[in-house]
Amino acid sequence: MPRAPLPGPGAPLPVRFLGPYDAVLLLGHAAATGIVPAEHRHHVFATTRPRSAPVFLLHGRVAGTWEHRDGRVATTPFTPLDAADRRAVDDEAELLTAWYRDPGPGASPG
């Protein structure tokens, strides 16, 4: 939003879920910025898949994958999460699950 205040450099970064085509945008930044840890790139980008895996960001970095399965959003972190991070990821997954149940008028959960 134009002229909206920006958070300070120490502000915590929220958990964000990116869909498969959104994650493709990470490809251009993967090596240069460290957003996608090198040891986990094969989970996100694979020549055997026509698109990238849906991922979630934790503290501004790709920390795992997710999928909508059996009516809920299931996450697979790349490494074990501490309790606070697990809670933050689970809370955001619940919000996305609720959106899948009722995306609102004109929206499509894909």
C-alpha atoms as a PDB file:
ATOM      1  CA  MET A   1       0.000   0.000   0.000  1.00  0.00           C
ATOM      2  CA  PRO A   2       1.428   3.363  -0.968  1.00  0.00           C
ATOM      3  CA  ARG A   3       2.782   5.376   1.953  1.00  0.00           C
ATOM      4  CA  ALA A   4       1.886   2.630   4.450  1.00  0.00           C
ATOM      5  CA  PRO A   5       4.346   2.397   7.324  1.00  0.00           C
ATOM      6  CA  LEU A   6       6.911  -0.369   7.032  1.00  0.00           C
ATOM      7  CA  PRO A   7       7.879  -2.543   9.981  1.00  0.00           C
ATOM      8  CA  GLY A   8      11.288  -1.965  11.505  1.00  0.00           C
ATOM      9  CA  PRO A   9      14.222  -4.253  10.766  1.00  0.00           C
ATOM     10  CA  GLY A  10      13.716  -6.176  14.015  1.00  0.00           C
ATOM     11  CA  ALA A  11      10.022  -6.910  13.410  1.00  0.00           C
ATOM     12  CA  PRO A  12       9.168 -10.615  13.446  1.00  0.00           C
ATOM     13  CA  LEU A  13       8.309 -12.114  10.072  1.00  0.00           C
ATOM     14  CA  PRO A  14       4.954 -13.915   9.939  1.00  0.00           C
ATOM     15  CA  VAL A  15       4.529 -17.482   8.717  1.00  0.00           C
ATOM     16  CA  ARG A  16       3.413 -17.475   5.082  1.00  0.00           C
ATOM     17  CA  PHE A  17       2.159 -20.298   2.884  1.00  0.00           C
ATOM     18  CA  LEU A  18       3.033 -20.148  -0.823  1.00  0.00           C
ATOM     19  CA  GLY A  19       1.222 -22.227  -3.427  1.00  0.00           C
ATOM     20  CA  PRO A  20       3.052 -24.223  -6.075  1.00  0.00           C
ATOM     21  CA  TYR A  21       3.224 -21.440  -8.623  1.00  0.00           C
ATOM     22  CA  ASP A  22       4.099 -18.809  -6.026  1.00  0.00           C
ATOM     23  CA  ALA A  23       7.030 -20.943  -4.943  1.00  0.00           C
ATOM     24  CA  VAL A  24       8.396 -20.781  -8.498  1.00  0.00           C
ATOM     25  CA  LEU A  25       9.050 -17.089  -7.820  1.00  0.00           C
ATOM     26  CA  LEU A  26      11.555 -18.231  -5.220  1.00  0.00           C
ATOM     27  CA  LEU A  27      13.683 -19.911  -7.871  1.00  0.00           C
ATOM     28  CA  GLY A  28      15.217 -16.632  -8.966  1.00  0.00           C
ATOM     29  CA  HIS A  29      16.152 -15.832  -5.384  1.00  0.00           C
ATOM     30  CA  ALA A  30      17.023 -19.321  -4.180  1.00  0.00           C
ATOM     31  CA  ALA A  31      20.787 -19.224  -4.604  1.00  0.00           C
ATOM     32  CA  ALA A  32      21.489 -15.543  -4.125  1.00  0.00           C
ATOM     33  CA  THR A  33      19.477 -14.804  -0.990  1.00  0.00           C
ATOM     34  CA  GLY A  34      19.381 -18.006   0.995  1.00  0.00           C
ATOM     35  CA  ILE A  35      15.569 -17.986   1.126  1.00  0.00           C
ATOM     36  CA  VAL A  36      15.585 -21.637   0.090  1.00  0.00           C
ATOM     37  CA  PRO A  37      18.271 -23.521   2.015  1.00  0.00           C
ATOM     38  CA  ALA A  38      20.522 -25.379  -0.444  1.00  0.00           C
ATOM     39  CA  GLU A  39      20.097 -28.687   1.367  1.00  0.00           C
ATOM     40  CA  HIS A  40      16.304 -28.502   0.881  1.00  0.00           C
ATOM     41  CA  ARG A  41      16.014 -27.167  -2.679  1.00  0.00           C
ATOM     42  CA  HIS A  42      15.296 -30.646  -4.022  1.00  0.00           C
ATOM     43  CA  HIS A  43      12.096 -30.690  -1.901  1.00  0.00           C
ATOM     44  CA  VAL A  44      10.899 -27.497  -3.591  1.00  0.00           C
ATOM     45  CA  PHE A  45      12.210 -27.744  -7.146  1.00  0.00           C
ATOM     46  CA  ALA A  46      12.446 -31.077  -8.965  1.00  0.00           C
ATOM     47  CA  THR A  47      12.775 -31.969 -12.617  1.00  0.00           C
ATOM     48  CA  THR A  48      10.276 -34.797 -12.034  1.00  0.00           C
ATOM     49  CA  ARG A  49       7.510 -32.301 -11.193  1.00  0.00           C
ATOM     50  CA  PRO A  50       6.108 -29.758 -13.633  1.00  0.00           C
ATOM     51  CA  ARG A  51       5.782 -27.177 -10.845  1.00  0.00           C
ATOM     52  CA  SER A  52       7.408 -26.346  -7.547  1.00  0.00           C
ATOM     53  CA  ALA A  53       6.108 -27.757  -4.294  1.00  0.00           C
ATOM     54  CA  PRO A  54       3.894 -25.544  -2.137  1.00  0.00           C
ATOM     55  CA  VAL A  55       6.030 -24.279   0.745  1.00  0.00           C
ATOM     56  CA  PHE A  56       5.767 -22.310   3.938  1.00  0.00           C
ATOM     57  CA  LEU A  57       8.075 -19.541   5.074  1.00  0.00           C
ATOM     58  CA  LEU A  58       9.220 -19.292   8.664  1.00  0.00           C
ATOM     59  CA  HIS A  59      11.379 -16.329   9.723  1.00  0.00           C
ATOM     60  CA  GLY A  60      11.576 -15.333   6.055  1.00  0.00           C
ATOM     61  CA  ARG A  61      13.015 -18.635   4.817  1.00  0.00           C
ATOM     62  CA  VAL A  62      11.470 -21.710   3.247  1.00  0.00           C
ATOM     63  CA  ALA A  63      11.098 -24.135   6.162  1.00  0.00           C
ATOM     64  CA  GLY A  64       8.906 -26.906   4.769  1.00  0.00           C
ATOM     65  CA  THR A  65       6.206 -28.000   2.373  1.00  0.00           C
ATOM     66  CA  TRP A  66       2.447 -28.233   2.740  1.00  0.00           C
ATOM     67  CA  GLU A  67      -0.532 -29.811   1.041  1.00  0.00           C
ATOM     68  CA  HIS A  68      -4.301 -29.667   1.297  1.00  0.00           C
ATOM     69  CA  ARG A  69      -5.300 -33.241   2.118  1.00  0.00           C
ATOM     70  CA  ASP A  70      -8.450 -34.763   3.605  1.00  0.00           C
ATOM     71  CA  GLY A  71      -9.992 -31.350   4.221  1.00  0.00           C
ATOM     72  CA  ARG A  72      -7.048 -29.849   6.061  1.00  0.00           C
ATOM     73  CA  VAL A  73      -3.666 -28.278   5.428  1.00  0.00           C
ATOM     74  CA  ALA A  74      -0.866 -30.662   6.413  1.00  0.00           C
ATOM     75  CA  THR A  75       2.693 -29.390   6.817  1.00  0.00           C
ATOM     76  CA  THR A  76       6.025 -31.166   6.518  1.00  0.00           C
ATOM     77  CA  PRO A  77       8.861 -29.123   8.025  1.00  0.00           C
ATOM     78  CA  PHE A  78      12.375 -29.747   6.711  1.00  0.00           C
ATOM     79  CA  THR A  79      13.731 -29.862  10.282  1.00  0.00           C
ATOM     80  CA  PRO A  80      12.073 -30.183  13.697  1.00  0.00           C
ATOM     81  CA  LEU A  81      10.409 -26.950  14.856  1.00  0.00           C
ATOM     82  CA  ASP A  82      10.528 -25.582  18.371  1.00  0.00           C
ATOM     83  CA  ALA A  83       7.201 -25.244  20.180  1.00  0.00           C
ATOM     84  CA  ALA A  84       6.642 -21.564  19.335  1.00  0.00           C
ATOM     85  CA  ASP A  85       7.416 -22.040  15.645  1.00  0.00           C
ATOM     86  CA  ARG A  86       5.276 -25.199  15.487  1.00  0.00           C
ATOM     87  CA  ARG A  87       2.378 -23.260  17.011  1.00  0.00           C
ATOM     88  CA  ALA A  88       2.835 -20.381  14.537  1.00  0.00           C
ATOM     89  CA  VAL A  89       2.887 -22.787  11.553  1.00  0.00           C
ATOM     90  CA  ASP A  90      -0.128 -24.712  12.884  1.00  0.00           C
ATOM     91  CA  ASP A  91      -2.085 -21.486  13.464  1.00  0.00           C
ATOM     92  CA  GLU A  92      -1.443 -20.311   9.901  1.00  0.00           C
ATOM     93  CA  ALA A  93      -2.312 -23.777   8.554  1.00  0.00           C
ATOM     94  CA  GLU A  94      -5.645 -23.593  10.383  1.00  0.00           C
ATOM     95  CA  LEU A  95      -6.405 -20.229   8.784  1.00  0.00           C
ATOM     96  CA  LEU A  96      -5.642 -21.665   5.335  1.00  0.00           C
ATOM     97  CA  THR A  97      -7.760 -24.748   6.109  1.00  0.00           C
ATOM     98  CA  ALA A  98     -10.674 -22.466   7.021  1.00  0.00           C
ATOM     99  CA  TRP A  99     -10.204 -20.567   3.763  1.00  0.00           C
ATOM    100  CA  TYR A 100     -10.326 -23.808   1.799  1.00  0.00           C
ATOM    101  CA  ARG A 101     -13.662 -24.565   3.505  1.00  0.00           C
ATOM    102  CA  ASP A 102     -15.114 -21.147   2.664  1.00  0.00           C
ATOM    103  CA  PRO A 103     -12.986 -19.039   0.291  1.00  0.00           C
ATOM    104  CA  GLY A 104     -15.660 -16.376  -0.035  1.00  0.00           C
ATOM    105  CA  PRO A 105     -17.586 -15.077  -3.038  1.00  0.00           C
ATOM    106  CA  GLY A 106     -15.781 -15.278  -6.356  1.00  0.00           C
ATOM    107  CA  ALA A 107     -12.715 -16.925  -4.850  1.00  0.00           C
ATOM    108  CA  SER A 108     -11.378 -20.284  -5.862  1.00  0.00           C
ATOM    109  CA  PRO A 109      -9.189 -22.337  -3.498  1.00  0.00           C
ATOM    110  CA  GLY A 110      -7.658 -23.981  -6.552  1.00  0.00           C
END
